[in-house]
Amino acid sequence: MASSPPPQRLLTPGPTQVPEPVLRAMAMPLIHHRTGAFRELFADVRLRLARVFRTRHPVLVISGSGTTAFEAAQASLIDPGQTAITCASGKFGERWQEVYEAIGVDQVRIDVPWGRAVQADQVAAALDGHRDARVVTVVHSETSTATVCDLKAIAAIVGRTDALLIADGITSVGAMPVEMDQWGVDVLVCGSQKALMLTPGLGYVALGERALERLAQTKGCPQYHLDLRRWLDAARKDDTPFTPPISLVRGQHAALELIEREGIENVWARTASLAAATRAALKAMRLQPVSDAPADSLSGAFYPATPTGGVDDARFRASLRDKHGIHIAGGQDGRLGNYAGRIFRISHMGHVSADDTLAALAAIETELRGAGASIYPGVAVAAASESLGSETAV
């Protein structure tokens, strides 16, 4: 008789685990989106999102992924032929460069080796050399390399110019400190399926004062569905310009209630503690970290050498999933780097507990040892537990 599969823990850096109350909220009967009941719900979601984004300015809720939301921001706030300074330190920074290639915006590229963070002085030098730049794009937490940049310092530099800062907060908003208004971030973009504990399908664009002024003054690149002017006009009436995914909006409301119940600062602290524990475990297993500026939202490590030539990424992650119920992510490739098959990544965002993290680390150690890696048994959980300040056992 076949044994039952182990309980599943989704520890990929998107999509992430969705709490039961959120799943139940999404299963409720539909309401029509052109009703007072939906507008009331939608308005409350946007108010709660603004508190997570730490802004008093509007947060637009767009049907689509984080990529949809970021492209909408990019295209709506610059005209074709104008200049954008685009920062890439991984797969997603490169994606935002590809968007501008597709819509005909001239670029000044700041390309940084994978695993390193974009530096504020690099942005300052680019702005000094290109005073006509209208936009700067940067990824706060680069998911492909588990790397975080100093968004506060970059925002301070961009804020002294006429350029707008469009920041990818897709794996930072709701996971680690992001102070949109206090830091002076003009545009902050996020997606529903990361730290905000929802399934994929909603993208968020928060617009600061300078971005709102630019939106009123420029035509932007040709858009229809993704023209932020349409979304902003509708949002001011607690509405959407097109049919929204109603169940996702309801689910996001439930997830935001959970975040507020815990307190966003406590969420940041919990995420940081899981990240620190994971880094301690990786060090104890003598694994090389992917990043020299590690983000708290996720951790990444290179596979170790083994007597048989290394760890097979696909087989390793399949064993984690099938034997232990642990889902983690592998590496990606891009124009400036290639981590495919060379690294694994584990998420600390959203609905993740210490028990989830310890279970994952125990399984990772077991499977790496099974693949031939020289790791003393038990060191991963011991190091992580010590970091967490507990003797929790798996």
Protein backbone atom coordinates (compact mmCIF):
# COMPACT_ATOMS: atom_id res chain seq x y z
CA MET A 1 0.00 0.00 0.00
CA ALA A 2 1.45 3.39 -1.03
CA SER A 3 2.31 5.75 1.79
CA SER A 4 0.52 9.08 1.93
CA PRO A 5 2.51 12.13 0.80
CA PRO A 6 3.99 14.34 3.51
CA PRO A 7 2.29 17.64 4.43
CA GLN A 8 3.31 20.30 1.94
CA ARG A 9 5.14 23.51 2.87
CA LEU A 10 5.44 26.11 0.10
CA LEU A 11 8.70 27.98 0.77
CA THR A 12 9.34 29.30 -2.72
CA PRO A 13 9.84 33.09 -2.99
CA GLY A 14 6.54 33.42 -4.82
CA PRO A 15 3.97 32.17 -4.77
CA THR A 16 4.09 31.76 -1.02
CA GLN A 17 1.84 29.93 1.42
CA VAL A 18 -1.69 31.29 1.76
CA PRO A 19 -3.26 31.19 5.25
CA GLU A 20 -6.52 29.29 5.76
CA PRO A 21 -8.60 32.41 6.59
CA VAL A 22 -7.55 33.90 3.25
CA LEU A 23 -8.50 30.75 1.35
CA ARG A 24 -11.87 30.74 3.09
CA ALA A 25 -12.46 34.39 2.19
CA MET A 26 -11.75 33.66 -1.47
CA ALA A 27 -14.26 30.80 -1.40
CA MET A 28 -17.14 33.05 -0.36
CA PRO A 29 -19.97 33.63 -2.87
CA LEU A 30 -19.27 36.30 -5.46
CA ILE A 31 -20.68 39.78 -5.25
CA HIS A 32 -20.98 42.09 -8.24
CA HIS A 33 -18.14 44.56 -8.63
CA ARG A 34 -20.38 47.51 -9.55
CA THR A 35 -22.08 47.60 -6.18
CA GLY A 36 -21.73 49.55 -2.99
CA ALA A 37 -20.67 46.39 -1.14
CA PHE A 38 -17.69 45.87 -3.43
CA ARG A 39 -16.70 49.54 -3.42
CA GLU A 40 -16.70 49.52 0.38
CA LEU A 41 -14.52 46.41 0.43
CA PHE A 42 -12.20 47.80 -2.24
CA ALA A 43 -11.76 51.11 -0.43
CA ASP A 44 -10.82 49.31 2.78
CA VAL A 45 -8.29 47.11 0.97
CA ARG A 46 -6.61 50.19 -0.49
CA LEU A 47 -6.48 51.91 2.91
CA ARG A 48 -4.90 48.84 4.50
CA LEU A 49 -2.42 48.51 1.63
CA ALA A 50 -1.37 52.12 2.13
CA ARG A 51 -0.55 51.33 5.75
CA VAL A 52 1.66 48.42 4.66
CA PHE A 53 3.34 50.59 2.01
CA ARG A 54 3.73 53.29 4.68
CA THR A 55 2.21 55.99 2.52
CA ARG A 56 -0.63 58.48 2.68
CA HIS A 57 -0.80 58.49 -1.12
CA PRO A 58 -2.97 56.27 -3.36
CA VAL A 59 -2.19 52.60 -3.87
CA LEU A 60 -3.69 51.32 -7.13
CA VAL A 61 -4.92 47.73 -7.31
CA ILE A 62 -4.38 46.34 -10.81
CA SER A 63 -5.58 43.02 -12.21
CA GLY A 64 -2.44 41.10 -13.09
CA SER A 65 0.96 40.16 -11.73
CA GLY A 66 3.71 42.31 -10.25
CA THR A 67 5.17 42.50 -13.74
CA THR A 68 1.88 43.94 -15.00
CA ALA A 69 1.96 46.60 -12.30
CA PHE A 70 5.59 47.51 -12.90
CA GLU A 71 5.12 47.79 -16.66
CA ALA A 72 2.11 50.04 -16.05
CA ALA A 73 4.25 52.33 -13.90
CA GLN A 74 7.12 52.35 -16.35
CA ALA A 75 4.98 53.08 -19.39
CA SER A 76 2.67 55.64 -17.80
CA LEU A 77 5.32 57.95 -16.36
CA ILE A 78 7.62 58.55 -19.33
CA ASP A 79 7.18 59.42 -23.02
CA PRO A 80 8.71 57.45 -25.91
CA GLY A 81 12.21 58.64 -26.74
CA GLN A 82 12.87 60.05 -23.29
CA THR A 83 15.64 58.66 -21.09
CA ALA A 84 15.39 56.28 -18.17
CA ILE A 85 18.20 55.13 -15.91
CA THR A 86 17.65 51.42 -15.27
CA CYS A 87 19.45 49.43 -12.59
CA ALA A 88 19.92 45.67 -12.92
CA SER A 89 21.55 43.36 -10.41
CA GLY A 90 19.57 40.26 -11.30
CA LYS A 91 16.80 38.76 -13.39
CA PHE A 92 14.10 41.25 -12.44
CA GLY A 93 16.16 44.40 -12.91
CA GLU A 94 16.93 43.04 -16.35
CA ARG A 95 13.21 42.51 -16.95
CA TRP A 96 12.48 46.19 -16.34
CA GLN A 97 15.18 47.03 -18.87
CA GLU A 98 13.46 44.72 -21.35
CA VAL A 99 10.16 46.54 -20.82
CA TYR A 100 11.72 49.84 -21.85
CA GLU A 101 13.35 48.15 -24.84
CA ALA A 102 9.90 46.96 -25.92
CA ILE A 103 8.19 50.35 -25.64
CA GLY A 104 10.92 52.53 -27.14
CA VAL A 105 12.40 54.36 -24.16
CA ASP A 106 16.11 55.25 -24.26
CA GLN A 107 18.11 53.75 -21.41
CA VAL A 108 21.22 54.39 -19.40
CA ARG A 109 21.92 51.03 -17.83
CA ILE A 110 23.57 50.45 -14.48
CA ASP A 111 24.50 46.78 -14.61
CA VAL A 112 25.79 45.19 -11.41
CA PRO A 113 27.17 41.65 -11.08
CA TRP A 114 24.63 39.20 -9.70
CA GLY A 115 24.83 38.86 -5.93
CA ARG A 116 25.88 42.47 -5.40
CA ALA A 117 23.66 45.45 -4.63
CA VAL A 118 23.17 48.58 -6.71
CA GLN A 119 24.96 51.41 -4.91
CA ALA A 120 23.61 54.92 -4.38
CA ASP A 121 26.78 56.50 -5.75
CA GLN A 122 26.32 54.60 -9.03
CA VAL A 123 22.86 56.14 -9.38
CA ALA A 124 24.23 59.59 -8.48
CA ALA A 125 26.93 59.33 -11.16
CA ALA A 126 24.40 58.27 -13.80
CA LEU A 127 22.10 61.17 -12.92
CA ASP A 128 25.01 63.64 -13.03
CA GLY A 129 25.90 62.43 -16.51
CA HIS A 130 22.31 62.34 -17.79
CA ARG A 131 20.41 65.28 -16.41
CA ASP A 132 17.61 64.69 -18.91
CA ALA A 133 16.68 61.37 -17.28
CA ARG A 134 12.99 61.22 -16.45
CA VAL A 135 12.87 57.94 -14.54
CA VAL A 136 15.14 55.72 -12.47
CA THR A 137 14.14 52.07 -11.97
CA VAL A 138 15.60 49.92 -9.22
CA VAL A 139 14.80 46.62 -7.53
CA HIS A 140 14.78 46.89 -3.74
CA SER A 141 14.91 43.14 -3.07
CA GLU A 142 16.24 41.26 -6.10
CA THR A 143 14.50 37.91 -5.81
CA SER A 144 16.77 36.09 -8.25
CA THR A 145 19.87 36.80 -6.15
CA ALA A 146 18.38 37.29 -2.64
CA THR A 147 20.01 40.73 -2.58
CA VAL A 148 18.79 44.00 -1.06
CA CYS A 149 19.94 47.51 -1.94
CA ASP A 150 19.85 50.70 0.14
CA LEU A 151 16.59 52.07 -1.24
CA LYS A 152 16.52 54.91 1.28
CA ALA A 153 19.89 56.26 0.09
CA ILE A 154 18.96 55.86 -3.59
CA ALA A 155 15.63 57.65 -3.05
CA ALA A 156 17.40 60.57 -1.36
CA ILE A 157 19.66 61.02 -4.40
CA VAL A 158 16.90 60.69 -7.02
CA GLY A 159 14.68 63.05 -5.03
CA ARG A 160 17.13 65.92 -5.59
CA THR A 161 16.55 65.67 -9.35
CA ASP A 162 13.62 65.88 -11.76
CA ALA A 163 13.71 62.12 -12.30
CA LEU A 164 11.16 59.83 -10.66
CA LEU A 165 12.22 56.73 -8.74
CA ILE A 166 10.18 53.62 -9.62
CA ALA A 167 11.07 50.89 -7.12
CA ASP A 168 10.33 47.18 -7.34
CA GLY A 169 9.17 46.25 -3.85
CA ILE A 170 7.73 42.92 -4.92
CA THR A 171 9.70 40.92 -2.35
CA SER A 172 10.25 43.70 0.16
CA VAL A 173 6.88 45.35 0.82
CA GLY A 174 5.35 43.49 3.76
CA ALA A 175 8.55 41.52 4.41
CA MET A 176 11.08 44.09 5.58
CA PRO A 177 11.22 47.78 6.42
CA VAL A 178 10.06 49.96 3.53
CA GLU A 179 9.07 53.54 4.36
CA MET A 180 7.70 54.94 1.11
CA ASP A 181 6.83 58.45 2.25
CA GLN A 182 9.60 58.86 4.79
CA TRP A 183 12.27 57.76 2.32
CA GLY A 184 10.81 59.72 -0.59
CA VAL A 185 10.13 56.80 -2.95
CA ASP A 186 8.06 58.18 -5.83
CA VAL A 187 6.54 54.91 -7.05
CA LEU A 188 6.53 51.60 -5.20
CA VAL A 189 5.28 48.41 -6.87
CA CYS A 190 4.32 45.11 -5.28
CA GLY A 191 2.46 41.89 -6.09
CA SER A 192 -0.08 39.88 -4.15
CA GLN A 193 1.66 36.49 -4.09
CA LYS A 194 4.70 37.29 -1.96
CA ALA A 195 4.70 38.80 1.54
CA LEU A 196 1.05 39.83 1.20
CA MET A 197 0.00 36.17 1.50
CA LEU A 198 -2.37 35.89 -1.46
CA THR A 199 -2.44 33.86 -4.64
CA PRO A 200 -1.03 35.47 -7.81
CA GLY A 201 -3.27 37.88 -9.69
CA LEU A 202 -3.10 41.38 -8.21
CA GLY A 203 -0.44 44.03 -8.73
CA TYR A 204 -0.07 47.20 -6.66
CA VAL A 205 1.29 50.61 -7.65
CA ALA A 206 1.69 53.25 -4.95
CA LEU A 207 2.07 56.78 -6.33
CA GLY A 208 3.78 59.54 -4.36
CA GLU A 209 3.18 63.25 -4.82
CA ARG A 210 5.80 63.74 -7.54
CA ALA A 211 4.47 60.73 -9.44
CA LEU A 212 0.92 62.06 -9.29
CA GLU A 213 2.13 65.38 -10.71
CA ARG A 214 4.01 63.61 -13.52
CA LEU A 215 0.99 61.47 -14.32
CA ALA A 216 -1.07 64.64 -14.83
CA GLN A 217 1.58 66.27 -17.01
CA THR A 218 2.74 63.53 -19.38
CA LYS A 219 0.98 61.38 -21.96
CA GLY A 220 3.13 58.32 -21.29
CA CYS A 221 3.85 55.51 -23.70
CA PRO A 222 0.91 54.05 -25.66
CA GLN A 223 -1.22 51.97 -23.27
CA TYR A 224 -4.84 51.08 -22.79
CA HIS A 225 -5.44 48.56 -20.02
CA LEU A 226 -2.21 49.55 -18.24
CA ASP A 227 -2.64 53.32 -18.41
CA LEU A 228 -2.39 54.33 -14.75
CA ARG A 229 -4.60 57.36 -15.39
CA ARG A 230 -7.56 55.04 -15.89
CA TRP A 231 -6.80 53.15 -12.69
CA LEU A 232 -6.27 56.32 -10.68
CA ASP A 233 -9.49 57.95 -11.91
CA ALA A 234 -11.47 54.83 -11.01
CA ALA A 235 -9.73 54.39 -7.65
CA ARG A 236 -10.73 57.89 -6.62
CA LYS A 237 -14.31 56.60 -6.85
CA ASP A 238 -13.44 53.34 -5.02
CA ASP A 239 -13.80 51.50 -8.30
CA THR A 240 -11.80 49.81 -11.06
CA PRO A 241 -11.80 50.67 -14.78
CA PHE A 242 -12.20 47.02 -15.77
CA THR A 243 -13.66 43.89 -14.16
CA PRO A 244 -11.51 43.04 -11.12
CA PRO A 245 -10.79 39.57 -9.70
CA ILE A 246 -13.36 39.96 -6.94
CA SER A 247 -12.37 36.88 -4.95
CA LEU A 248 -8.74 37.99 -4.86
CA VAL A 249 -9.72 41.41 -3.54
CA ARG A 250 -11.70 39.69 -0.81
CA GLY A 251 -8.77 37.40 -0.04
CA GLN A 252 -6.37 40.33 0.13
CA HIS A 253 -8.65 42.01 2.63
CA ALA A 254 -8.44 38.92 4.86
CA ALA A 255 -4.65 38.75 4.51
CA LEU A 256 -4.24 42.43 5.37
CA GLU A 257 -6.36 41.90 8.48
CA LEU A 258 -3.92 39.19 9.56
CA ILE A 259 -0.94 41.46 8.92
CA GLU A 260 -2.49 44.28 10.94
CA ARG A 261 -3.35 41.90 13.75
CA GLU A 262 0.31 40.89 14.02
CA GLY A 263 1.57 44.42 13.39
CA ILE A 264 3.76 45.27 10.39
CA GLU A 265 6.85 45.94 12.55
CA ASN A 266 6.40 42.51 14.13
CA VAL A 267 6.09 40.96 10.67
CA TRP A 268 9.37 42.61 9.68
CA ALA A 269 11.03 41.30 12.86
CA ARG A 270 9.72 37.77 12.34
CA THR A 271 10.92 37.71 8.74
CA ALA A 272 14.35 39.00 9.79
CA SER A 273 14.66 36.35 12.49
CA LEU A 274 13.87 33.54 10.04
CA ALA A 275 16.38 34.97 7.58
CA ALA A 276 19.09 35.20 10.24
CA ALA A 277 18.41 31.63 11.37
CA THR A 278 18.60 30.38 7.79
CA ARG A 279 21.87 32.19 7.17
CA ALA A 280 23.28 30.64 10.35
CA ALA A 281 22.25 27.19 9.12
CA LEU A 282 23.75 27.73 5.68
CA LYS A 283 27.01 28.82 7.29
CA ALA A 284 26.99 25.76 9.55
CA MET A 285 26.61 23.57 6.45
CA ARG A 286 29.54 25.49 4.89
CA LEU A 287 27.45 26.64 1.94
CA GLN A 288 28.42 29.77 0.02
CA PRO A 289 25.72 32.45 0.14
CA VAL A 290 24.50 33.87 -3.15
CA SER A 291 24.55 37.49 -2.02
CA ASP A 292 27.00 39.81 -0.31
CA ALA A 293 24.04 42.05 0.66
CA PRO A 294 21.43 39.47 1.73
CA ALA A 295 17.75 40.35 1.82
CA ASP A 296 15.55 39.20 4.70
CA SER A 297 12.73 38.13 2.40
CA LEU A 298 14.59 35.08 1.09
CA SER A 299 17.95 33.34 1.28
CA GLY A 300 20.01 31.70 -1.42
CA ALA A 301 23.07 29.44 -1.46
CA PHE A 302 25.27 27.76 -4.03
CA TYR A 303 25.23 23.99 -4.15
CA PRO A 304 28.38 22.47 -2.63
CA ALA A 305 30.93 20.39 -4.44
CA THR A 306 30.60 16.63 -3.97
CA PRO A 307 32.86 13.67 -4.79
CA THR A 308 30.55 12.82 -7.69
CA GLY A 309 30.74 16.30 -9.25
CA GLY A 310 28.01 18.30 -7.56
CA VAL A 311 24.33 18.35 -6.65
CA ASP A 312 21.71 17.82 -9.35
CA ASP A 313 19.33 20.76 -8.82
CA ALA A 314 16.20 19.19 -10.28
CA ARG A 315 16.70 15.91 -8.43
CA PHE A 316 17.52 17.68 -5.15
CA ARG A 317 14.41 19.87 -5.19
CA ALA A 318 12.21 16.98 -6.32
CA SER A 319 13.45 14.92 -3.37
CA LEU A 320 12.70 17.77 -0.99
CA ARG A 321 9.18 18.00 -2.37
CA ASP A 322 8.36 14.30 -2.65
CA LYS A 323 10.08 12.96 0.49
CA HIS A 324 9.74 15.91 2.86
CA GLY A 325 6.92 18.08 1.47
CA ILE A 326 9.28 21.06 1.14
CA HIS A 327 9.00 23.30 -1.94
CA ILE A 328 11.92 25.66 -2.55
CA ALA A 329 13.16 27.43 -5.69
CA GLY A 330 16.18 26.93 -7.88
CA GLY A 331 18.21 29.54 -9.72
CA GLN A 332 17.45 31.64 -12.77
CA ASP A 333 19.50 32.88 -15.67
CA GLY A 334 19.74 36.24 -17.40
CA ARG A 335 21.83 38.57 -19.50
CA LEU A 336 24.34 39.35 -16.74
CA GLY A 337 24.37 36.11 -14.78
CA ASN A 338 23.32 32.49 -14.74
CA TYR A 339 22.33 30.76 -11.51
CA ALA A 340 20.17 28.07 -13.14
CA GLY A 341 21.09 24.70 -11.66
CA ARG A 342 23.70 26.29 -9.37
CA ILE A 343 21.73 27.61 -6.41
CA PHE A 344 18.63 27.06 -4.29
CA ARG A 345 16.43 29.74 -2.69
CA ILE A 346 14.14 29.59 0.32
CA SER A 347 11.51 32.17 1.26
CA HIS A 348 10.94 33.81 4.66
CA MET A 349 8.01 35.96 3.49
CA GLY A 350 4.43 35.93 4.59
CA HIS A 351 2.81 32.88 6.17
CA VAL A 352 6.04 31.16 7.28
CA SER A 353 6.81 30.00 10.82
CA ALA A 354 9.95 28.91 12.64
CA ASP A 355 8.71 25.32 12.40
CA ASP A 356 8.40 25.65 8.61
CA THR A 357 11.93 27.02 8.37
CA LEU A 358 13.47 24.39 10.66
CA ALA A 359 11.71 21.60 8.79
CA ALA A 360 13.03 22.94 5.50
CA LEU A 361 16.59 23.28 6.80
CA ALA A 362 16.56 19.76 8.21
CA ALA A 363 15.35 18.40 4.88
CA ILE A 364 17.90 20.43 2.91
CA GLU A 365 20.72 19.09 5.08
CA THR A 366 19.47 15.52 4.71
CA GLU A 367 19.20 15.70 0.93
CA LEU A 368 22.55 17.47 0.49
CA ARG A 369 24.21 14.78 2.57
CA GLY A 370 22.41 12.16 0.50
CA ALA A 371 23.84 13.80 -2.63
CA GLY A 372 27.36 13.43 -1.23
CA ALA A 373 27.97 16.80 0.41
CA SER A 374 30.31 16.77 3.40
CA ILE A 375 28.03 18.13 6.15
CA TYR A 376 28.10 17.03 9.79
CA PRO A 377 24.62 15.72 10.67
CA GLY A 378 22.34 18.02 12.65
CA VAL A 379 24.30 21.25 12.24
CA ALA A 380 21.62 23.09 10.24
CA VAL A 381 18.82 22.83 12.77
CA ALA A 382 21.20 23.37 15.69
CA ALA A 383 22.55 26.61 14.22
CA ALA A 384 19.11 27.86 13.22
CA SER A 385 17.60 27.03 16.61
CA GLU A 386 20.42 28.83 18.38
CA SER A 387 19.83 31.88 16.18
CA LEU A 388 16.10 31.77 16.95
CA GLY A 389 16.88 31.50 20.65
CA SER A 390 15.07 28.19 21.12
CA GLU A 391 15.68 24.48 21.31
CA THR A 392 12.86 23.70 18.90
CA ALA A 393 13.32 20.28 17.37
CA VAL A 394 11.90 18.90 14.15
